[in-house]
Amino acid sequence: MPGYRRLADLPQLIPVFPLDGALLLPGGELPLQVFEPRYLNMVDDAMAGERIIGMIQTRGGEKARPTLAHVGCAGRITSYAETSDGRYLITLTGVCRFELGEELNLKTPYRQVRANYTPFAGDLDDADAEVGETARTHFAQALKRYLNRRELDIDWDTAASAPLEALVNSLSMGLPFEPAEKQALLEAPDLEGRFTTLTALLEIDALDDGDDEGHSLQ
């Protein structure tokens, strides 16, 4: 994303939005409807500052203040609207993943943490992954079975022409995986690793389906 070429360009202290099942990946776009007062406050403060919010899942703990997952993704508010009843409709565009650092004891109603972006410096690069034809064919077949089992569909022509990163990230974010599976996709080391993880999740789900007829993503 323009303006974020180096890790030093990113704020080290960020507000976090704990939301299980919601996945934001670098370069992806996540629409959110915000209505809780503490998160309305968070969006107000973000819009007045860096416009950065960290999306993160939880891993147990108290319901009122659950334990945060070890890895999240920082996103920038790139779209903002307010409804007549006071809700905010925003879009976060993923910038860079982060490891959870110290959580600060501040008086804001929302939580804020120190973000360590260093393990994910590659998120700011534009490099795409190289995936062979056989891997793409297996992926397309597993995706077809997965979608058929759930009576879902995608535009296969668009999928075939989409850059690999856009395709993998949009499917990872949009398909109804469990929170732990979403976290595994988030924590994959790079795009190639995310492609492999996504393929495995699709294939595991489709083990009972004997339909091997697939589409080609070539």
C-alpha atoms as a PDB file:
ATOM      1  CA  MET A   1       0.000   0.000   0.000  1.00  0.00           C
ATOM      2  CA  PRO A   2       1.380   3.469  -0.855  1.00  0.00           C
ATOM      3  CA  GLY A   3       3.011   5.145   2.136  1.00  0.00           C
ATOM      4  CA  TYR A   4       4.096   1.906   3.798  1.00  0.00           C
ATOM      5  CA  ARG A   5       7.349   0.892   2.147  1.00  0.00           C
ATOM      6  CA  ARG A   6       9.304   0.201   5.332  1.00  0.00           C
ATOM      7  CA  LEU A   7       8.388  -1.297   8.678  1.00  0.00           C
ATOM      8  CA  ALA A   8       9.450   2.000  10.264  1.00  0.00           C
ATOM      9  CA  ASP A   9       6.543   3.691   8.484  1.00  0.00           C
ATOM     10  CA  LEU A  10       4.046   1.688  10.540  1.00  0.00           C
ATOM     11  CA  PRO A  11       2.889   2.798  13.999  1.00  0.00           C
ATOM     12  CA  GLN A  12       4.285   0.658  16.796  1.00  0.00           C
ATOM     13  CA  LEU A  13       1.344   1.238  19.131  1.00  0.00           C
ATOM     14  CA  ILE A  14      -1.970   0.234  17.571  1.00  0.00           C
ATOM     15  CA  PRO A  15      -5.564  -0.321  18.695  1.00  0.00           C
ATOM     16  CA  VAL A  16      -6.820  -3.860  18.212  1.00  0.00           C
ATOM     17  CA  PHE A  17     -10.248  -5.161  17.261  1.00  0.00           C
ATOM     18  CA  PRO A  18     -10.652  -8.733  18.592  1.00  0.00           C
ATOM     19  CA  LEU A  19     -13.088 -10.539  16.299  1.00  0.00           C
ATOM     20  CA  ASP A  20     -13.047 -14.306  15.934  1.00  0.00           C
ATOM     21  CA  GLY A  21     -13.704 -15.628  12.447  1.00  0.00           C
ATOM     22  CA  ALA A  22     -12.737 -12.351  10.777  1.00  0.00           C
ATOM     23  CA  LEU A  23      -9.526 -12.593   8.763  1.00  0.00           C
ATOM     24  CA  LEU A  24      -7.586  -9.682   7.340  1.00  0.00           C
ATOM     25  CA  LEU A  25      -4.551 -10.357   5.149  1.00  0.00           C
ATOM     26  CA  PRO A  26      -2.037  -7.940   3.617  1.00  0.00           C
ATOM     27  CA  GLY A  27      -3.586  -6.415   0.510  1.00  0.00           C
ATOM     28  CA  GLY A  28      -7.039  -7.777   1.357  1.00  0.00           C
ATOM     29  CA  GLU A  29     -10.106  -5.662   2.058  1.00  0.00           C
ATOM     30  CA  LEU A  30     -12.325  -6.376   5.069  1.00  0.00           C
ATOM     31  CA  PRO A  31     -15.668  -4.552   5.361  1.00  0.00           C
ATOM     32  CA  LEU A  32     -16.801  -4.026   8.946  1.00  0.00           C
ATOM     33  CA  GLN A  33     -19.958  -2.717  10.587  1.00  0.00           C
ATOM     34  CA  VAL A  34     -19.052  -1.060  13.874  1.00  0.00           C
ATOM     35  CA  PHE A  35     -21.699  -0.350  16.499  1.00  0.00           C
ATOM     36  CA  GLU A  36     -20.292  -1.029  19.984  1.00  0.00           C
ATOM     37  CA  PRO A  37     -19.478   2.290  21.708  1.00  0.00           C
ATOM     38  CA  ARG A  38     -15.891   1.285  22.547  1.00  0.00           C
ATOM     39  CA  TYR A  39     -15.156   0.425  18.927  1.00  0.00           C
ATOM     40  CA  LEU A  40     -16.907   3.534  17.642  1.00  0.00           C
ATOM     41  CA  ASN A  41     -14.484   5.386  19.912  1.00  0.00           C
ATOM     42  CA  MET A  42     -11.613   3.337  18.465  1.00  0.00           C
ATOM     43  CA  VAL A  43     -12.560   4.245  14.897  1.00  0.00           C
ATOM     44  CA  ASP A  44     -12.896   7.935  15.831  1.00  0.00           C
ATOM     45  CA  ASP A  45      -9.397   7.914  17.311  1.00  0.00           C
ATOM     46  CA  ALA A  46      -7.963   5.964  14.378  1.00  0.00           C
ATOM     47  CA  MET A  47      -9.470   8.374  11.858  1.00  0.00           C
ATOM     48  CA  ALA A  48      -7.940  11.289  13.757  1.00  0.00           C
ATOM     49  CA  GLY A  49      -4.518   9.629  13.688  1.00  0.00           C
ATOM     50  CA  GLU A  50      -2.801   6.951  11.611  1.00  0.00           C
ATOM     51  CA  ARG A  51      -6.058   5.256  10.501  1.00  0.00           C
ATOM     52  CA  ILE A  52      -4.501   1.911  11.496  1.00  0.00           C
ATOM     53  CA  ILE A  53      -6.402  -0.826  13.356  1.00  0.00           C
ATOM     54  CA  GLY A  54      -5.111  -4.292  14.172  1.00  0.00           C
ATOM     55  CA  MET A  55      -7.497  -7.166  13.493  1.00  0.00           C
ATOM     56  CA  ILE A  56      -6.873 -10.102  15.792  1.00  0.00           C
ATOM     57  CA  GLN A  57      -8.619 -13.256  16.966  1.00  0.00           C
ATOM     58  CA  THR A  58      -8.777 -14.581  20.520  1.00  0.00           C
ATOM     59  CA  ARG A  59      -7.695 -17.827  22.147  1.00  0.00           C
ATOM     60  CA  GLY A  60      -9.775 -18.306  25.263  1.00  0.00           C
ATOM     61  CA  GLY A  61      -9.627 -16.432  28.531  1.00  0.00           C
ATOM     62  CA  GLU A  62     -12.363 -14.396  30.155  1.00  0.00           C
ATOM     63  CA  LYS A  63     -15.294 -13.455  27.961  1.00  0.00           C
ATOM     64  CA  ALA A  64     -15.084  -9.815  28.973  1.00  0.00           C
ATOM     65  CA  ARG A  65     -11.360  -9.659  28.180  1.00  0.00           C
ATOM     66  CA  PRO A  66     -10.276 -12.684  26.150  1.00  0.00           C
ATOM     67  CA  THR A  67      -6.664 -13.646  25.553  1.00  0.00           C
ATOM     68  CA  LEU A  68      -5.459 -12.268  22.230  1.00  0.00           C
ATOM     69  CA  ALA A  69      -3.950 -14.494  19.558  1.00  0.00           C
ATOM     70  CA  HIS A  70      -0.207 -14.289  18.998  1.00  0.00           C
ATOM     71  CA  VAL A  71      -0.492 -12.900  15.455  1.00  0.00           C
ATOM     72  CA  GLY A  72      -2.814 -10.317  13.911  1.00  0.00           C
ATOM     73  CA  CYS A  73      -2.864  -8.036  10.879  1.00  0.00           C
ATOM     74  CA  ALA A  74      -2.728  -4.252  10.809  1.00  0.00           C
ATOM     75  CA  GLY A  75      -5.109  -2.609   8.372  1.00  0.00           C
ATOM     76  CA  ARG A  76      -5.699   0.956   7.265  1.00  0.00           C
ATOM     77  CA  ILE A  77      -9.177   2.464   7.116  1.00  0.00           C
ATOM     78  CA  THR A  78      -9.643   3.089   3.396  1.00  0.00           C
ATOM     79  CA  SER A  79     -13.414   3.569   3.379  1.00  0.00           C
ATOM     80  CA  TYR A  80     -15.616   5.202   5.992  1.00  0.00           C
ATOM     81  CA  ALA A  81     -19.322   6.016   6.219  1.00  0.00           C
ATOM     82  CA  GLU A  82     -21.720   6.723   9.059  1.00  0.00           C
ATOM     83  CA  THR A  83     -25.329   5.549   9.079  1.00  0.00           C
ATOM     84  CA  SER A  84     -28.290   7.555  10.337  1.00  0.00           C
ATOM     85  CA  ASP A  85     -28.452   5.402  13.488  1.00  0.00           C
ATOM     86  CA  GLY A  86     -24.809   5.999  14.389  1.00  0.00           C
ATOM     87  CA  ARG A  87     -23.120   2.871  13.057  1.00  0.00           C
ATOM     88  CA  TYR A  88     -19.855   3.094  11.140  1.00  0.00           C
ATOM     89  CA  LEU A  89     -19.343   1.204   7.898  1.00  0.00           C
ATOM     90  CA  ILE A  90     -15.627   0.940   7.279  1.00  0.00           C
ATOM     91  CA  THR A  91     -13.261  -1.027   5.087  1.00  0.00           C
ATOM     92  CA  LEU A  92      -9.858  -2.065   6.362  1.00  0.00           C
ATOM     93  CA  THR A  93      -7.162  -2.732   3.784  1.00  0.00           C
ATOM     94  CA  GLY A  94      -4.509  -5.097   5.131  1.00  0.00           C
ATOM     95  CA  VAL A  95      -1.002  -3.652   5.376  1.00  0.00           C
ATOM     96  CA  CYS A  96       1.218  -5.964   7.414  1.00  0.00           C
ATOM     97  CA  ARG A  97       0.889  -8.783   9.922  1.00  0.00           C
ATOM     98  CA  PHE A  98       2.314  -8.386  13.401  1.00  0.00           C
ATOM     99  CA  GLU A  99       3.301 -10.409  16.428  1.00  0.00           C
ATOM    100  CA  LEU A 100       1.533  -9.379  19.586  1.00  0.00           C
ATOM    101  CA  GLY A 101       3.783  -7.427  21.903  1.00  0.00           C
ATOM    102  CA  GLU A 102       3.057  -5.750  25.201  1.00  0.00           C
ATOM    103  CA  GLU A 103      -0.548  -4.763  25.853  1.00  0.00           C
ATOM    104  CA  LEU A 104      -0.627  -1.255  27.290  1.00  0.00           C
ATOM    105  CA  ASN A 105      -2.619  -0.338  30.364  1.00  0.00           C
ATOM    106  CA  LEU A 106      -4.358   2.749  29.026  1.00  0.00           C
ATOM    107  CA  LYS A 107      -7.660   4.429  29.829  1.00  0.00           C
ATOM    108  CA  THR A 108      -9.159   3.973  26.383  1.00  0.00           C
ATOM    109  CA  PRO A 109     -12.207   1.663  26.317  1.00  0.00           C
ATOM    110  CA  TYR A 110     -10.571  -0.407  23.581  1.00  0.00           C
ATOM    111  CA  ARG A 111      -7.338  -2.383  23.806  1.00  0.00           C
ATOM    112  CA  GLN A 112      -3.972  -1.206  22.484  1.00  0.00           C
ATOM    113  CA  VAL A 113      -0.786  -3.203  21.938  1.00  0.00           C
ATOM    114  CA  ARG A 114       2.757  -2.850  20.720  1.00  0.00           C
ATOM    115  CA  ALA A 115       3.036  -4.490  17.326  1.00  0.00           C
ATOM    116  CA  ASN A 116       6.172  -6.314  16.188  1.00  0.00           C
ATOM    117  CA  TYR A 117       6.123  -6.331  12.381  1.00  0.00           C
ATOM    118  CA  THR A 118       9.680  -7.618  11.926  1.00  0.00           C
ATOM    119  CA  PRO A 119       8.814 -11.318  11.304  1.00  0.00           C
ATOM    120  CA  PHE A 120       6.501 -10.227   8.479  1.00  0.00           C
ATOM    121  CA  ALA A 121       8.645  -7.654   6.664  1.00  0.00           C
ATOM    122  CA  GLY A 122       7.898  -9.522   3.413  1.00  0.00           C
ATOM    123  CA  ASP A 123       4.273  -8.386   3.616  1.00  0.00           C
ATOM    124  CA  LEU A 124       5.371  -4.991   2.283  1.00  0.00           C
ATOM    125  CA  ASP A 125       6.924  -6.527  -0.829  1.00  0.00           C
ATOM    126  CA  ASP A 126       5.050  -6.902  -4.108  1.00  0.00           C
ATOM    127  CA  ALA A 127       6.560 -10.262  -5.062  1.00  0.00           C
ATOM    128  CA  ASP A 128       4.148 -12.992  -6.152  1.00  0.00           C
ATOM    129  CA  ALA A 129       4.628 -16.722  -5.574  1.00  0.00           C
ATOM    130  CA  GLU A 130       5.435 -19.257  -8.248  1.00  0.00           C
ATOM    131  CA  VAL A 131       3.040 -22.210  -8.207  1.00  0.00           C
ATOM    132  CA  GLY A 132       3.272 -25.066 -10.684  1.00  0.00           C
ATOM    133  CA  GLU A 133       0.504 -26.263 -12.966  1.00  0.00           C
ATOM    134  CA  THR A 134      -0.021 -29.495 -11.018  1.00  0.00           C
ATOM    135  CA  ALA A 135      -0.454 -27.605  -7.741  1.00  0.00           C
ATOM    136  CA  ARG A 136      -2.928 -25.217  -9.360  1.00  0.00           C
ATOM    137  CA  THR A 137      -4.923 -28.124 -10.799  1.00  0.00           C
ATOM    138  CA  HIS A 138      -5.130 -29.850  -7.402  1.00  0.00           C
ATOM    139  CA  PHE A 139      -6.146 -26.542  -5.862  1.00  0.00           C
ATOM    140  CA  ALA A 140      -8.905 -25.952  -8.427  1.00  0.00           C
ATOM    141  CA  GLN A 141     -10.295 -29.464  -7.960  1.00  0.00           C
ATOM    142  CA  ALA A 142     -10.330 -29.156  -4.170  1.00  0.00           C
ATOM    143  CA  LEU A 143     -11.954 -25.722  -4.402  1.00  0.00           C
ATOM    144  CA  LYS A 144     -14.676 -27.024  -6.712  1.00  0.00           C
ATOM    145  CA  ARG A 145     -15.517 -29.880  -4.333  1.00  0.00           C
ATOM    146  CA  TYR A 146     -15.532 -27.532  -1.358  1.00  0.00           C
ATOM    147  CA  LEU A 147     -17.881 -25.082  -3.070  1.00  0.00           C
ATOM    148  CA  ASN A 148     -20.176 -27.844  -4.332  1.00  0.00           C
ATOM    149  CA  ARG A 149     -20.566 -29.298  -0.851  1.00  0.00           C
ATOM    150  CA  ARG A 150     -21.715 -25.893   0.418  1.00  0.00           C
ATOM    151  CA  GLU A 151     -23.737 -24.956  -2.659  1.00  0.00           C
ATOM    152  CA  LEU A 152     -21.483 -21.968  -3.222  1.00  0.00           C
ATOM    153  CA  ASP A 153     -20.041 -20.679  -6.475  1.00  0.00           C
ATOM    154  CA  ILE A 154     -17.435 -18.262  -7.784  1.00  0.00           C
ATOM    155  CA  ASP A 155     -16.743 -16.637 -11.131  1.00  0.00           C
ATOM    156  CA  TRP A 156     -14.270 -19.156 -12.539  1.00  0.00           C
ATOM    157  CA  ASP A 157     -13.215 -16.894 -15.408  1.00  0.00           C
ATOM    158  CA  THR A 158     -12.321 -14.159 -12.935  1.00  0.00           C
ATOM    159  CA  ALA A 159     -10.550 -16.671 -10.686  1.00  0.00           C
ATOM    160  CA  ALA A 160      -8.489 -17.976 -13.613  1.00  0.00           C
ATOM    161  CA  SER A 161      -7.276 -14.498 -14.565  1.00  0.00           C
ATOM    162  CA  ALA A 162      -6.727 -13.158 -11.035  1.00  0.00           C
ATOM    163  CA  PRO A 163      -3.196 -12.807  -9.646  1.00  0.00           C
ATOM    164  CA  LEU A 164      -2.436 -15.668  -7.285  1.00  0.00           C
ATOM    165  CA  GLU A 165      -2.119 -13.394  -4.251  1.00  0.00           C
ATOM    166  CA  ALA A 166      -5.517 -11.772  -4.840  1.00  0.00           C
ATOM    167  CA  LEU A 167      -7.187 -15.161  -5.399  1.00  0.00           C
ATOM    168  CA  VAL A 168      -5.649 -16.899  -2.379  1.00  0.00           C
ATOM    169  CA  ASN A 169      -6.229 -13.967  -0.051  1.00  0.00           C
ATOM    170  CA  SER A 170      -9.833 -13.386  -1.119  1.00  0.00           C
ATOM    171  CA  LEU A 171     -10.692 -17.076  -0.687  1.00  0.00           C
ATOM    172  CA  SER A 172      -8.861 -17.309   2.634  1.00  0.00           C
ATOM    173  CA  MET A 173     -10.763 -14.293   3.948  1.00  0.00           C
ATOM    174  CA  GLY A 174     -14.129 -15.084   2.401  1.00  0.00           C
ATOM    175  CA  LEU A 175     -14.661 -18.831   2.774  1.00  0.00           C
ATOM    176  CA  PRO A 176     -16.391 -20.008   5.982  1.00  0.00           C
ATOM    177  CA  PHE A 177     -13.426 -21.619   7.716  1.00  0.00           C
ATOM    178  CA  GLU A 178     -13.271 -22.117  11.467  1.00  0.00           C
ATOM    179  CA  PRO A 179     -11.369 -19.490  13.525  1.00  0.00           C
ATOM    180  CA  ALA A 180      -8.418 -21.858  14.089  1.00  0.00           C
ATOM    181  CA  GLU A 181      -8.218 -22.477  10.343  1.00  0.00           C
ATOM    182  CA  LYS A 182      -8.342 -18.738   9.677  1.00  0.00           C
ATOM    183  CA  GLN A 183      -5.494 -18.297  12.117  1.00  0.00           C
ATOM    184  CA  ALA A 184      -3.450 -20.967  10.334  1.00  0.00           C
ATOM    185  CA  LEU A 185      -3.932 -19.082   7.053  1.00  0.00           C
ATOM    186  CA  LEU A 186      -2.898 -15.837   8.724  1.00  0.00           C
ATOM    187  CA  GLU A 187       0.238 -17.366  10.213  1.00  0.00           C
ATOM    188  CA  ALA A 188       1.436 -19.070   7.021  1.00  0.00           C
ATOM    189  CA  PRO A 189       4.925 -17.643   6.460  1.00  0.00           C
ATOM    190  CA  ASP A 190       4.321 -16.296   2.959  1.00  0.00           C
ATOM    191  CA  LEU A 191       1.985 -16.478  -0.026  1.00  0.00           C
ATOM    192  CA  GLU A 192       3.291 -19.869  -1.122  1.00  0.00           C
ATOM    193  CA  GLY A 193       2.735 -21.200   2.385  1.00  0.00           C
ATOM    194  CA  ARG A 194      -0.784 -19.728   2.475  1.00  0.00           C
ATOM    195  CA  PHE A 195      -1.562 -21.358  -0.881  1.00  0.00           C
ATOM    196  CA  THR A 196      -0.396 -24.715   0.488  1.00  0.00           C
ATOM    197  CA  THR A 197      -2.401 -24.277   3.707  1.00  0.00           C
ATOM    198  CA  LEU A 198      -5.515 -23.239   1.820  1.00  0.00           C
ATOM    199  CA  THR A 199      -5.215 -26.205  -0.539  1.00  0.00           C
ATOM    200  CA  ALA A 200      -4.844 -28.555   2.446  1.00  0.00           C
ATOM    201  CA  LEU A 201      -7.914 -27.120   4.171  1.00  0.00           C
ATOM    202  CA  LEU A 202      -9.979 -27.512   0.999  1.00  0.00           C
ATOM    203  CA  GLU A 203      -8.753 -31.080   0.446  1.00  0.00           C
ATOM    204  CA  ILE A 204      -9.400 -32.139   4.041  1.00  0.00           C
ATOM    205  CA  ASP A 205     -12.950 -30.866   3.783  1.00  0.00           C
ATOM    206  CA  ALA A 206     -13.524 -32.628   0.476  1.00  0.00           C
ATOM    207  CA  LEU A 207     -12.173 -36.081   1.479  1.00  0.00           C
ATOM    208  CA  ASP A 208     -15.636 -37.638   1.362  1.00  0.00           C
ATOM    209  CA  ASP A 209     -16.484 -36.217  -2.041  1.00  0.00           C
ATOM    210  CA  GLY A 210     -15.489 -38.418  -4.971  1.00  0.00           C
ATOM    211  CA  ASP A 211     -16.094 -35.821  -7.695  1.00  0.00           C
ATOM    212  CA  ASP A 212     -12.652 -35.166  -9.198  1.00  0.00           C
ATOM    213  CA  GLU A 213     -13.872 -33.064 -12.106  1.00  0.00           C
ATOM    214  CA  GLY A 214     -12.293 -29.673 -11.699  1.00  0.00           C
ATOM    215  CA  HIS A 215     -11.805 -26.329 -13.303  1.00  0.00           C
ATOM    216  CA  SER A 216      -8.430 -25.080 -14.418  1.00  0.00           C
ATOM    217  CA  LEU A 217      -6.943 -21.925 -12.958  1.00  0.00           C
ATOM    218  CA  GLN A 218      -4.342 -21.748 -15.721  1.00  0.00           C
END
